[in-house]
Structure formats: structure tokens, C-alpha cells
Amino acid sequence: MACLVSCSRTPPENRLRERVAQMQSALESREISSFMGGVAVDFSGESELDRRGLHNFLRVQVLRHAAIGLTLGPLDVRLHGERATVNFSVMATGGQGGLLPDSARPWIVRSDWRDGPDGWQVFRAEWEPAL
């Protein structure tokens, strides 16, 4: 029985991909708290952005745009035990809910993740505009 339980556990890479998809869905649904569930307490990001700063940045984006869209390119996932790197491109769009977005911007994201009791969480991320 123990073998069946351990054998049926979702592989780490699949759980990580699911977490990224959940975070994408949460942001598009304007559910910042759900998104932040995937962000580690010790998160550090671009321009010395910490977890609280990321939360505030996302709140501003939700207030600024009635609709938020994220279209992710393929995820390049590399596992290193209980840590991983995930690199991807993303087209971020925002608008007032009309047929077309008011703004759109492509980004390249490099992120570091760790697996723990709360599942996969991003603890470092860098992003830059895609050329």
C-alpha cells in the first residue's frame, strides 16, 4: 500500500508546472493572495524587489487594469533536487476589458524555485523586456 501511495505522487516537474499555471490563472483572475501563495517569504526580484514590494506592485497593476492577460511561452524547467530554475517568455497585457488590450509588453523571465512544505515557491526572479 505504501508503494502505491508513493508511486502515485505527482512528479516534481509536473507539480512545478502546475504551480506556474496556478499563479498565471490567479493573476489573470486578479487574485493576488492566491498568486502570492507561490512566492517565498524571502523572495528577491528585479531592482531589489522583496515579497512585500511584489505584492504591492501586483496590487497597482490590478487597480490600473480591469483585465490582465499573461501568455507564457514554453517553460524551460531544470530540476536540481529540491530546487529548480524556470525560464520563459511572457506577453503581459492589460486593459479595461474591451476586445483589445490597452497595453502589451513581452518579457523574458528567469526564476529560481524551491520545493517545500507549501509546494514549489519562487524565491528569486529576474525579468527584462524582450527585444
N, C-alpha and C. Protein backbone atom coordinates (compact mmCIF):
# COMPACT_ATOMS: atom_id res chain seq x y z
N MET A 1 0.83 -1.19 0.00
CA MET A 1 0.00 0.00 0.00
C MET A 1 0.87 1.25 0.00
N ALA A 2 1.94 1.28 0.81
CA ALA A 2 2.82 2.43 0.85
C ALA A 2 3.44 2.70 -0.51
N CYS A 3 3.75 1.64 -1.25
CA CYS A 3 4.33 1.80 -2.58
C CYS A 3 3.33 2.49 -3.51
N LEU A 4 2.06 2.11 -3.42
CA LEU A 4 1.04 2.73 -4.26
C LEU A 4 0.91 4.22 -3.97
N VAL A 5 0.96 4.59 -2.70
CA VAL A 5 0.86 5.99 -2.33
C VAL A 5 2.06 6.77 -2.84
N SER A 6 3.27 6.25 -2.63
CA SER A 6 4.46 6.97 -3.06
C SER A 6 4.60 6.96 -4.58
N CYS A 7 4.15 5.91 -5.23
CA CYS A 7 4.24 5.84 -6.69
C CYS A 7 3.22 6.75 -7.37
N SER A 8 2.14 7.06 -6.68
CA SER A 8 1.10 7.89 -7.29
C SER A 8 1.35 9.38 -7.10
N ARG A 9 2.38 9.75 -6.35
CA ARG A 9 2.69 11.16 -6.13
C ARG A 9 3.09 11.81 -7.46
N THR A 10 2.60 13.01 -7.67
CA THR A 10 2.90 13.74 -8.90
C THR A 10 4.39 14.06 -8.95
N PRO A 11 5.05 13.82 -10.08
CA PRO A 11 6.48 14.12 -10.19
C PRO A 11 6.76 15.61 -9.94
N PRO A 12 7.94 15.93 -9.39
CA PRO A 12 8.28 17.31 -9.05
C PRO A 12 8.11 18.29 -10.21
N GLU A 13 8.56 17.93 -11.39
CA GLU A 13 8.45 18.86 -12.52
C GLU A 13 7.00 19.15 -12.86
N ASN A 14 6.16 18.13 -12.80
CA ASN A 14 4.73 18.34 -13.08
C ASN A 14 4.10 19.26 -12.04
N ARG A 15 4.47 19.07 -10.75
CA ARG A 15 3.94 19.93 -9.69
C ARG A 15 4.39 21.38 -9.88
N LEU A 16 5.65 21.56 -10.33
CA LEU A 16 6.17 22.91 -10.57
C LEU A 16 5.43 23.56 -11.73
N ARG A 17 5.23 22.82 -12.80
CA ARG A 17 4.48 23.36 -13.94
C ARG A 17 3.05 23.72 -13.53
N GLU A 18 2.45 22.88 -12.70
CA GLU A 18 1.10 23.17 -12.20
C GLU A 18 1.09 24.44 -11.37
N ARG A 19 2.12 24.64 -10.54
CA ARG A 19 2.19 25.84 -9.71
C ARG A 19 2.28 27.09 -10.58
N VAL A 20 3.12 27.06 -11.61
CA VAL A 20 3.24 28.20 -12.51
C VAL A 20 1.89 28.48 -13.18
N ALA A 21 1.20 27.44 -13.63
CA ALA A 21 -0.11 27.62 -14.26
C ALA A 21 -1.13 28.20 -13.27
N GLN A 22 -1.09 27.73 -12.02
CA GLN A 22 -1.99 28.26 -10.99
C GLN A 22 -1.72 29.74 -10.74
N MET A 23 -0.44 30.11 -10.70
CA MET A 23 -0.09 31.51 -10.45
C MET A 23 -0.52 32.39 -11.62
N GLN A 24 -0.36 31.88 -12.84
CA GLN A 24 -0.82 32.61 -14.02
C GLN A 24 -2.32 32.83 -13.95
N SER A 25 -3.05 31.78 -13.66
CA SER A 25 -4.51 31.87 -13.56
C SER A 25 -4.94 32.82 -12.45
N ALA A 26 -4.27 32.77 -11.31
CA ALA A 26 -4.61 33.64 -10.18
C ALA A 26 -4.43 35.11 -10.56
N LEU A 27 -3.34 35.43 -11.23
CA LEU A 27 -3.11 36.83 -11.61
C LEU A 27 -4.13 37.29 -12.64
N GLU A 28 -4.43 36.44 -13.60
CA GLU A 28 -5.43 36.80 -14.60
C GLU A 28 -6.81 36.96 -13.98
N SER A 29 -7.05 36.24 -12.88
CA SER A 29 -8.33 36.34 -12.15
C SER A 29 -8.29 37.44 -11.10
N ARG A 30 -7.15 38.14 -11.03
CA ARG A 30 -6.99 39.26 -10.11
C ARG A 30 -6.97 38.82 -8.65
N GLU A 31 -6.55 37.58 -8.39
CA GLU A 31 -6.49 37.00 -7.05
C GLU A 31 -5.03 37.04 -6.57
N ILE A 32 -4.63 38.20 -6.11
CA ILE A 32 -3.24 38.40 -5.73
C ILE A 32 -2.82 37.47 -4.59
N SER A 33 -3.69 37.27 -3.61
CA SER A 33 -3.34 36.40 -2.48
C SER A 33 -3.04 34.98 -2.95
N SER A 34 -3.82 34.48 -3.91
CA SER A 34 -3.56 33.14 -4.45
C SER A 34 -2.23 33.11 -5.19
N PHE A 35 -1.95 34.15 -5.95
CA PHE A 35 -0.67 34.24 -6.64
C PHE A 35 0.48 34.22 -5.64
N MET A 36 0.35 34.98 -4.58
CA MET A 36 1.43 35.11 -3.60
C MET A 36 1.69 33.81 -2.85
N GLY A 37 0.77 32.86 -2.87
CA GLY A 37 1.00 31.56 -2.27
C GLY A 37 2.17 30.83 -2.90
N GLY A 38 2.51 31.20 -4.13
CA GLY A 38 3.64 30.60 -4.82
C GLY A 38 4.93 31.39 -4.69
N VAL A 39 4.91 32.44 -3.85
CA VAL A 39 6.08 33.31 -3.68
C VAL A 39 6.65 33.09 -2.27
N ALA A 40 7.92 32.77 -2.20
CA ALA A 40 8.57 32.50 -0.91
C ALA A 40 8.66 33.77 -0.06
N VAL A 41 8.69 33.57 1.24
CA VAL A 41 8.80 34.68 2.20
C VAL A 41 10.07 35.49 1.95
N ASP A 42 11.15 34.83 1.54
CA ASP A 42 12.42 35.51 1.32
C ASP A 42 12.65 35.86 -0.15
N PHE A 43 11.58 36.05 -0.90
CA PHE A 43 11.66 36.38 -2.32
C PHE A 43 12.51 37.62 -2.58
N SER A 44 13.31 37.57 -3.62
CA SER A 44 14.02 38.76 -4.10
C SER A 44 13.89 38.81 -5.61
N GLY A 45 13.62 40.00 -6.09
CA GLY A 45 13.41 40.16 -7.52
C GLY A 45 14.17 41.33 -8.08
N GLU A 46 13.78 41.69 -9.27
CA GLU A 46 14.40 42.78 -10.02
C GLU A 46 14.43 44.06 -9.19
N SER A 47 15.52 44.79 -9.28
CA SER A 47 15.70 46.07 -8.58
C SER A 47 15.46 45.96 -7.07
N GLU A 48 15.94 44.88 -6.48
CA GLU A 48 15.84 44.65 -5.03
C GLU A 48 14.39 44.57 -4.54
N LEU A 49 13.50 44.15 -5.40
CA LEU A 49 12.09 43.98 -5.02
C LEU A 49 11.96 42.79 -4.08
N ASP A 50 11.33 42.98 -2.92
CA ASP A 50 11.10 41.87 -2.00
C ASP A 50 9.65 41.39 -2.14
N ARG A 51 9.26 40.43 -1.31
CA ARG A 51 7.92 39.86 -1.39
C ARG A 51 6.85 40.93 -1.21
N ARG A 52 7.01 41.77 -0.22
CA ARG A 52 6.02 42.83 0.02
C ARG A 52 5.95 43.80 -1.16
N GLY A 53 7.10 44.14 -1.71
CA GLY A 53 7.14 45.02 -2.88
C GLY A 53 6.46 44.40 -4.08
N LEU A 54 6.65 43.08 -4.27
CA LEU A 54 5.98 42.38 -5.37
C LEU A 54 4.48 42.41 -5.17
N HIS A 55 4.04 42.15 -3.95
CA HIS A 55 2.61 42.19 -3.64
C HIS A 55 2.03 43.56 -3.96
N ASN A 56 2.70 44.62 -3.54
CA ASN A 56 2.22 45.98 -3.81
C ASN A 56 2.23 46.30 -5.29
N PHE A 57 3.27 45.87 -6.01
CA PHE A 57 3.33 46.08 -7.45
C PHE A 57 2.13 45.42 -8.14
N LEU A 58 1.82 44.20 -7.74
CA LEU A 58 0.70 43.48 -8.36
C LEU A 58 -0.63 44.16 -8.03
N ARG A 59 -0.76 44.68 -6.82
CA ARG A 59 -1.98 45.41 -6.45
C ARG A 59 -2.18 46.62 -7.35
N VAL A 60 -1.11 47.34 -7.61
CA VAL A 60 -1.19 48.51 -8.50
C VAL A 60 -1.63 48.07 -9.90
N GLN A 61 -1.08 46.97 -10.40
CA GLN A 61 -1.45 46.50 -11.73
C GLN A 61 -2.93 46.11 -11.80
N VAL A 62 -3.42 45.47 -10.75
CA VAL A 62 -4.83 45.08 -10.70
C VAL A 62 -5.73 46.32 -10.64
N LEU A 63 -5.31 47.33 -9.90
CA LEU A 63 -6.10 48.56 -9.84
C LEU A 63 -6.04 49.33 -11.16
N ARG A 64 -4.92 49.27 -11.83
CA ARG A 64 -4.72 50.01 -13.07
C ARG A 64 -5.47 49.38 -14.25
N HIS A 65 -5.59 48.06 -14.26
CA HIS A 65 -6.15 47.35 -15.41
C HIS A 65 -7.35 46.50 -14.99
N ALA A 66 -8.47 46.69 -15.67
CA ALA A 66 -9.66 45.87 -15.40
C ALA A 66 -9.44 44.43 -15.84
N ALA A 67 -8.60 44.25 -16.85
CA ALA A 67 -8.31 42.91 -17.36
C ALA A 67 -6.80 42.75 -17.48
N ILE A 68 -6.30 41.62 -17.02
CA ILE A 68 -4.88 41.30 -17.12
C ILE A 68 -4.76 39.97 -17.84
N GLY A 69 -3.84 39.91 -18.79
CA GLY A 69 -3.61 38.67 -19.52
C GLY A 69 -2.13 38.32 -19.50
N LEU A 70 -1.85 37.04 -19.41
CA LEU A 70 -0.48 36.54 -19.45
C LEU A 70 -0.44 35.36 -20.41
N THR A 71 0.38 35.48 -21.43
CA THR A 71 0.57 34.37 -22.36
C THR A 71 2.02 33.93 -22.22
N LEU A 72 2.20 32.75 -21.65
CA LEU A 72 3.54 32.24 -21.40
C LEU A 72 4.03 31.42 -22.57
N GLY A 73 5.33 31.59 -22.89
CA GLY A 73 5.97 30.71 -23.85
C GLY A 73 6.30 29.40 -23.16
N PRO A 74 6.95 28.50 -23.86
CA PRO A 74 7.30 27.21 -23.24
C PRO A 74 8.19 27.42 -22.01
N LEU A 75 7.93 26.64 -20.98
CA LEU A 75 8.75 26.71 -19.76
C LEU A 75 10.00 25.85 -19.94
N ASP A 76 11.16 26.43 -19.68
CA ASP A 76 12.41 25.69 -19.66
C ASP A 76 12.68 25.37 -18.19
N VAL A 77 12.33 24.15 -17.76
CA VAL A 77 12.45 23.73 -16.37
C VAL A 77 13.68 22.86 -16.20
N ARG A 78 14.51 23.22 -15.23
CA ARG A 78 15.69 22.43 -14.91
C ARG A 78 15.70 22.15 -13.41
N LEU A 79 15.54 20.87 -13.08
CA LEU A 79 15.48 20.46 -11.67
C LEU A 79 16.89 20.22 -11.13
N HIS A 80 17.07 20.62 -9.88
CA HIS A 80 18.32 20.40 -9.14
C HIS A 80 17.93 19.92 -7.75
N GLY A 81 17.46 18.69 -7.63
CA GLY A 81 16.98 18.18 -6.35
C GLY A 81 15.69 18.88 -5.95
N GLU A 82 15.71 19.54 -4.80
CA GLU A 82 14.52 20.25 -4.33
C GLU A 82 14.51 21.71 -4.79
N ARG A 83 15.37 22.03 -5.73
CA ARG A 83 15.40 23.37 -6.33
C ARG A 83 15.27 23.24 -7.84
N ALA A 84 14.92 24.35 -8.45
CA ALA A 84 14.75 24.34 -9.90
C ALA A 84 14.93 25.75 -10.45
N THR A 85 15.28 25.82 -11.72
CA THR A 85 15.25 27.08 -12.44
C THR A 85 14.17 26.95 -13.50
N VAL A 86 13.43 28.02 -13.70
CA VAL A 86 12.39 28.05 -14.73
C VAL A 86 12.58 29.35 -15.51
N ASN A 87 12.82 29.20 -16.80
CA ASN A 87 12.98 30.34 -17.68
C ASN A 87 11.88 30.29 -18.73
N PHE A 88 11.34 31.47 -19.07
CA PHE A 88 10.26 31.51 -20.05
C PHE A 88 10.06 32.93 -20.55
N SER A 89 9.35 33.05 -21.64
CA SER A 89 8.94 34.36 -22.13
C SER A 89 7.47 34.53 -21.77
N VAL A 90 7.04 35.78 -21.64
CA VAL A 90 5.65 36.05 -21.32
C VAL A 90 5.22 37.35 -22.01
N MET A 91 4.03 37.32 -22.57
CA MET A 91 3.41 38.54 -23.10
C MET A 91 2.39 38.97 -22.06
N ALA A 92 2.64 40.11 -21.44
CA ALA A 92 1.73 40.65 -20.43
C ALA A 92 0.86 41.72 -21.07
N THR A 93 -0.45 41.60 -20.89
CA THR A 93 -1.37 42.58 -21.44
C THR A 93 -2.26 43.12 -20.33
N GLY A 94 -2.71 44.34 -20.54
CA GLY A 94 -3.62 44.96 -19.58
C GLY A 94 -4.58 45.87 -20.32
N GLY A 95 -5.76 46.01 -19.76
CA GLY A 95 -6.73 46.88 -20.40
C GLY A 95 -7.96 47.07 -19.54
N GLN A 96 -8.93 47.68 -20.14
CA GLN A 96 -10.18 47.98 -19.43
C GLN A 96 -11.28 46.96 -19.74
N GLY A 97 -10.91 45.82 -20.28
CA GLY A 97 -11.88 44.75 -20.51
C GLY A 97 -12.49 44.76 -21.89
N GLY A 98 -12.00 45.60 -22.78
CA GLY A 98 -12.50 45.63 -24.15
C GLY A 98 -11.97 44.47 -24.97
N LEU A 99 -12.29 44.48 -26.24
CA LEU A 99 -11.87 43.41 -27.14
C LEU A 99 -10.35 43.33 -27.25
N LEU A 100 -9.70 44.49 -27.32
CA LEU A 100 -8.24 44.53 -27.43
C LEU A 100 -7.63 45.13 -26.16
N PRO A 101 -6.44 44.65 -25.78
CA PRO A 101 -5.78 45.23 -24.60
C PRO A 101 -5.31 46.66 -24.88
N ASP A 102 -5.22 47.45 -23.84
CA ASP A 102 -4.71 48.82 -23.96
C ASP A 102 -3.18 48.82 -24.00
N SER A 103 -2.58 47.81 -23.40
CA SER A 103 -1.12 47.73 -23.39
C SER A 103 -0.69 46.27 -23.49
N ALA A 104 0.48 46.07 -24.06
CA ALA A 104 1.05 44.72 -24.17
C ALA A 104 2.57 44.87 -24.16
N ARG A 105 3.21 43.94 -23.47
CA ARG A 105 4.67 44.02 -23.39
C ARG A 105 5.24 42.61 -23.23
N PRO A 106 6.22 42.25 -24.07
CA PRO A 106 6.86 40.94 -23.93
C PRO A 106 8.02 41.01 -22.94
N TRP A 107 8.19 39.95 -22.16
CA TRP A 107 9.24 39.87 -21.15
C TRP A 107 9.95 38.52 -21.24
N ILE A 108 11.19 38.52 -20.79
CA ILE A 108 11.95 37.29 -20.57
C ILE A 108 12.10 37.15 -19.06
N VAL A 109 11.73 35.99 -18.52
CA VAL A 109 11.77 35.77 -17.07
C VAL A 109 12.72 34.61 -16.76
N ARG A 110 13.57 34.84 -15.77
CA ARG A 110 14.45 33.80 -15.21
C ARG A 110 14.10 33.69 -13.74
N SER A 111 13.79 32.46 -13.29
CA SER A 111 13.35 32.32 -11.90
C SER A 111 13.95 31.09 -11.24
N ASP A 112 14.13 31.20 -9.93
CA ASP A 112 14.64 30.11 -9.10
C ASP A 112 13.55 29.71 -8.12
N TRP A 113 13.38 28.41 -7.95
CA TRP A 113 12.29 27.85 -7.14
C TRP A 113 12.85 26.84 -6.17
N ARG A 114 12.09 26.61 -5.08
CA ARG A 114 12.43 25.51 -4.17
C ARG A 114 11.14 24.82 -3.75
N ASP A 115 11.27 23.53 -3.53
CA ASP A 115 10.14 22.71 -3.13
C ASP A 115 10.18 22.54 -1.62
N GLY A 116 9.05 22.71 -0.97
CA GLY A 116 8.99 22.59 0.48
C GLY A 116 7.60 22.21 0.93
N PRO A 117 7.31 22.41 2.21
CA PRO A 117 6.00 22.02 2.76
C PRO A 117 4.82 22.73 2.10
N ASP A 118 5.06 23.93 1.56
CA ASP A 118 3.99 24.67 0.88
C ASP A 118 4.03 24.48 -0.63
N GLY A 119 4.75 23.46 -1.08
CA GLY A 119 4.88 23.20 -2.51
C GLY A 119 5.98 24.07 -3.11
N TRP A 120 6.04 24.10 -4.41
CA TRP A 120 7.04 24.91 -5.09
C TRP A 120 6.75 26.39 -4.87
N GLN A 121 7.81 27.13 -4.55
CA GLN A 121 7.70 28.58 -4.40
C GLN A 121 8.90 29.24 -5.06
N VAL A 122 8.65 30.35 -5.75
CA VAL A 122 9.71 31.12 -6.37
C VAL A 122 10.39 31.95 -5.29
N PHE A 123 11.73 31.91 -5.26
CA PHE A 123 12.44 32.70 -4.26
C PHE A 123 13.34 33.76 -4.89
N ARG A 124 13.52 33.68 -6.21
CA ARG A 124 14.27 34.72 -6.90
C ARG A 124 13.78 34.79 -8.34
N ALA A 125 13.65 36.01 -8.85
CA ALA A 125 13.23 36.19 -10.24
C ALA A 125 13.85 37.45 -10.82
N GLU A 126 14.19 37.35 -12.08
CA GLU A 126 14.68 38.49 -12.84
C GLU A 126 13.87 38.55 -14.12
N TRP A 127 13.58 39.74 -14.59
CA TRP A 127 12.84 39.88 -15.85
C TRP A 127 13.37 41.08 -16.59
N GLU A 128 13.29 40.98 -17.89
CA GLU A 128 13.72 42.09 -18.73
C GLU A 128 12.84 42.12 -19.97
N PRO A 129 12.66 43.30 -20.53
CA PRO A 129 11.85 43.38 -21.75
C PRO A 129 12.47 42.52 -22.86
N ALA A 130 11.65 41.81 -23.58
CA ALA A 130 12.12 41.04 -24.73
C ALA A 130 12.32 41.99 -25.90
N LEU A 131 13.36 41.80 -26.63
CA LEU A 131 13.64 42.70 -27.76
C LEU A 131 12.97 42.24 -29.01
